[in-house]
Amino acid sequence: MMFEEIPGVRVVGIDSSETMLELAAARLRRWSTQLQLVQADFGDIENVRLPESPFGIIISVQALHNVPHEVKRRVFAKIHGVLDPRGVFYLLDRIRVNPPELFDQFRLVWNRLETVHQTKIDEGSTYTHHVQLLNEKGDDPATLEENLLWLRDAGFVVACLHLHGNRALIIAKPK
């Protein structure tokens, strides 16, 4: 959509998976002259070489919930460092179910989504099962509060624009 809506836009995509980058290159072949893909590990974010910055918009979609919390904090600092002072960072990601005592309420939301969208959401039948599934996938989502705090610590003004179950859309702008 960005390529169609913003003529001349330049997009940089970062992923550690060569397979995902190949998929992106194939899907976006039409705009290959406006696209640069970078294979990089978020754990080494300080050494990732990016093309010309600052960036006007940075978007992270479902990319940070499976890295350790300290890495998330370093990624937020790196983003702050390469984002234009007037730019914006959008973070859409999974968040930790919190507090555990309210897991049944999260389960009600997922059940409703399954009905409405005729799909299966396997987040576990109990909180213990949920945590087990996260561990099996290598996921380590932070709570909404932790994400907001870490973004503020990195120098952003932040807000949660949308929260649905355990998915949050957060906006961050440099102070």
Protein backbone atom coordinates (compact mmCIF):
# COMPACT_ATOMS: atom_id res chain seq x y z
CA MET A 1 0.00 0.00 0.00
CA MET A 2 2.81 2.42 0.78
CA PHE A 3 4.26 2.03 -2.70
CA GLU A 4 0.88 2.73 -4.28
CA GLU A 5 -0.13 5.59 -1.97
CA ILE A 6 3.19 7.44 -1.74
CA PRO A 7 4.89 7.80 -5.13
CA GLY A 8 8.66 7.55 -4.83
CA VAL A 9 8.62 6.18 -1.30
CA ARG A 10 11.76 4.28 -0.30
CA VAL A 11 11.30 1.28 1.97
CA VAL A 12 13.89 -0.64 3.96
CA GLY A 13 12.86 -4.06 5.25
CA ILE A 14 14.84 -5.83 7.97
CA ASP A 15 14.54 -9.48 8.98
CA SER A 16 16.87 -12.16 10.25
CA SER A 17 15.25 -14.80 8.06
CA GLU A 18 16.59 -15.16 4.53
CA THR A 19 13.36 -16.97 3.61
CA MET A 20 11.21 -14.04 4.77
CA LEU A 21 13.39 -11.57 2.86
CA GLU A 22 13.10 -13.69 -0.29
CA LEU A 23 9.32 -13.79 0.15
CA ALA A 24 9.22 -9.99 0.57
CA ALA A 25 11.42 -9.49 -2.50
CA ALA A 26 9.13 -11.71 -4.58
CA ARG A 27 5.93 -10.01 -3.36
CA LEU A 28 7.36 -6.53 -3.88
CA ARG A 29 9.30 -7.20 -7.09
CA ARG A 30 7.28 -4.50 -8.86
CA TRP A 31 8.86 -1.87 -6.58
CA SER A 32 12.35 -3.37 -6.35
CA THR A 33 14.02 -0.05 -7.22
CA GLN A 34 12.39 1.54 -4.16
CA LEU A 35 13.03 -1.39 -1.81
CA GLN A 36 16.14 -2.38 0.11
CA LEU A 37 16.11 -5.56 2.17
CA VAL A 38 18.60 -6.06 4.98
CA GLN A 39 19.28 -9.38 6.68
CA ALA A 40 20.09 -8.62 10.30
CA ASP A 41 19.73 -10.01 13.78
CA PHE A 42 17.94 -7.76 16.27
CA GLY A 43 20.33 -9.09 18.93
CA ASP A 44 23.11 -7.20 17.16
CA ILE A 45 21.01 -4.12 16.34
CA GLU A 46 23.77 -1.66 17.19
CA ASN A 47 25.88 -3.01 14.30
CA VAL A 48 23.12 -3.18 11.69
CA ARG A 49 24.11 -0.97 8.77
CA LEU A 50 21.12 0.93 7.48
CA PRO A 51 20.90 3.11 4.42
CA GLU A 52 20.56 6.85 4.70
CA SER A 53 18.83 8.00 7.84
CA PRO A 54 16.95 9.62 9.41
CA PHE A 55 13.78 7.73 8.58
CA GLY A 56 10.39 9.42 8.55
CA ILE A 57 8.38 6.36 9.52
CA ILE A 58 9.46 3.09 11.11
CA ILE A 59 7.02 0.22 11.41
CA SER A 60 7.52 -3.02 13.33
CA VAL A 61 4.87 -5.70 12.87
CA GLN A 62 5.00 -8.87 14.95
CA ALA A 63 8.81 -8.76 14.98
CA LEU A 64 9.86 -8.09 18.56
CA HIS A 65 7.76 -10.44 20.70
CA ASN A 66 10.25 -13.25 20.23
CA VAL A 67 13.42 -11.43 21.29
CA PRO A 68 14.64 -11.00 24.88
CA HIS A 69 13.47 -7.89 26.71
CA GLU A 70 16.97 -6.35 26.78
CA VAL A 71 17.09 -6.66 22.98
CA LYS A 72 13.72 -4.90 22.71
CA ARG A 73 15.12 -2.01 24.75
CA ARG A 74 18.20 -1.78 22.50
CA VAL A 75 16.02 -1.91 19.37
CA PHE A 76 13.90 0.97 20.70
CA ALA A 77 17.09 3.00 21.35
CA LYS A 78 18.37 2.27 17.82
CA ILE A 79 15.02 3.29 16.33
CA HIS A 80 15.11 6.53 18.29
CA GLY A 81 18.60 7.18 16.93
CA VAL A 82 17.67 6.73 13.25
CA LEU A 83 14.18 8.26 13.31
CA ASP A 84 13.72 11.81 12.07
CA PRO A 85 12.91 14.16 14.99
CA ARG A 86 9.51 14.73 13.33
CA GLY A 87 9.11 11.03 12.48
CA VAL A 88 6.90 8.35 13.96
CA PHE A 89 7.41 4.74 15.04
CA TYR A 90 4.52 2.27 14.94
CA LEU A 91 4.85 -0.93 16.94
CA LEU A 92 2.24 -3.62 16.34
CA ASP A 93 3.02 -6.70 18.34
CA ARG A 94 1.92 -9.36 20.72
CA ILE A 95 1.94 -8.39 24.39
CA ARG A 96 2.15 -10.54 27.47
CA VAL A 97 -1.16 -11.57 29.02
CA ASN A 98 -1.14 -9.65 32.27
CA PRO A 99 -2.17 -10.13 34.98
CA PRO A 100 -2.36 -13.94 34.80
CA GLU A 101 -5.49 -13.89 36.98
CA LEU A 102 -7.39 -12.34 34.07
CA PHE A 103 -6.41 -15.00 31.52
CA ASP A 104 -10.02 -16.19 31.28
CA GLN A 105 -11.04 -12.73 30.03
CA PHE A 106 -8.41 -12.88 27.30
CA ARG A 107 -9.72 -16.35 26.41
CA LEU A 108 -13.23 -14.86 25.99
CA VAL A 109 -11.87 -12.33 23.47
CA TRP A 110 -10.09 -15.07 21.52
CA ASN A 111 -13.22 -17.24 21.52
CA ARG A 112 -15.22 -14.32 20.11
CA LEU A 113 -12.59 -13.69 17.42
CA GLU A 114 -12.69 -17.36 16.47
CA THR A 115 -16.46 -17.15 16.02
CA VAL A 116 -16.48 -13.86 14.12
CA HIS A 117 -13.56 -14.70 11.82
CA GLN A 118 -14.18 -18.44 11.61
CA THR A 119 -10.62 -19.20 12.56
CA LYS A 120 -8.73 -20.96 15.34
CA ILE A 121 -6.69 -18.96 17.83
CA ASP A 122 -4.53 -21.30 19.88
CA GLU A 123 -3.32 -19.29 22.83
CA GLY A 124 -3.82 -22.10 25.33
CA SER A 125 -6.70 -23.23 27.48
CA THR A 126 -5.15 -22.07 30.76
CA TYR A 127 -2.53 -19.50 31.65
CA THR A 128 0.00 -22.27 32.33
CA HIS A 129 -0.75 -23.79 28.92
CA HIS A 130 -0.48 -20.33 27.33
CA VAL A 131 3.00 -19.79 28.81
CA GLN A 132 4.02 -23.28 27.69
CA LEU A 133 2.98 -22.46 24.11
CA LEU A 134 4.94 -19.18 24.22
CA ASN A 135 8.03 -21.01 25.44
CA GLU A 136 7.71 -23.65 22.72
CA LYS A 137 7.59 -20.93 20.06
CA GLY A 138 10.48 -19.03 21.61
CA ASP A 139 8.23 -16.01 22.24
CA ASP A 140 8.91 -13.57 25.06
CA PRO A 141 6.34 -10.77 24.75
CA ALA A 142 6.56 -7.83 27.10
CA THR A 143 3.54 -6.36 28.83
CA LEU A 144 1.93 -3.26 27.39
CA GLU A 145 3.26 -1.31 30.38
CA GLU A 146 6.83 -2.55 29.80
CA ASN A 147 6.75 -1.60 26.11
CA LEU A 148 5.47 1.89 26.93
CA LEU A 149 8.08 2.35 29.68
CA TRP A 150 10.97 1.18 27.50
CA LEU A 151 9.91 3.44 24.65
CA ARG A 152 9.72 6.40 27.05
CA ASP A 153 13.16 5.46 28.40
CA ALA A 154 14.47 5.50 24.80
CA GLY A 155 13.28 9.10 24.42
CA PHE A 156 9.81 8.76 22.94
CA VAL A 157 6.40 10.20 23.71
CA VAL A 158 4.12 7.15 23.45
CA ALA A 159 0.52 6.00 23.45
CA CYS A 160 -1.35 2.79 22.80
CA LEU A 161 -3.57 3.48 19.79
CA HIS A 162 -5.33 0.13 19.79
CA LEU A 163 -5.42 -2.89 22.07
CA HIS A 164 -7.26 -6.07 21.22
CA GLY A 165 -6.71 -9.08 23.42
CA ASN A 166 -2.96 -9.57 23.48
CA ARG A 167 -2.13 -7.44 20.43
CA ALA A 168 -1.24 -3.77 20.76
CA LEU A 169 -0.64 -0.95 18.30
CA ILE A 170 1.67 1.58 19.91
CA ILE A 171 2.73 4.93 18.46
CA ALA A 172 5.98 6.62 19.48
CA LYS A 173 7.39 10.01 18.49
CA PRO A 174 10.72 11.47 19.60
CA LYS A 175 10.39 13.94 22.48
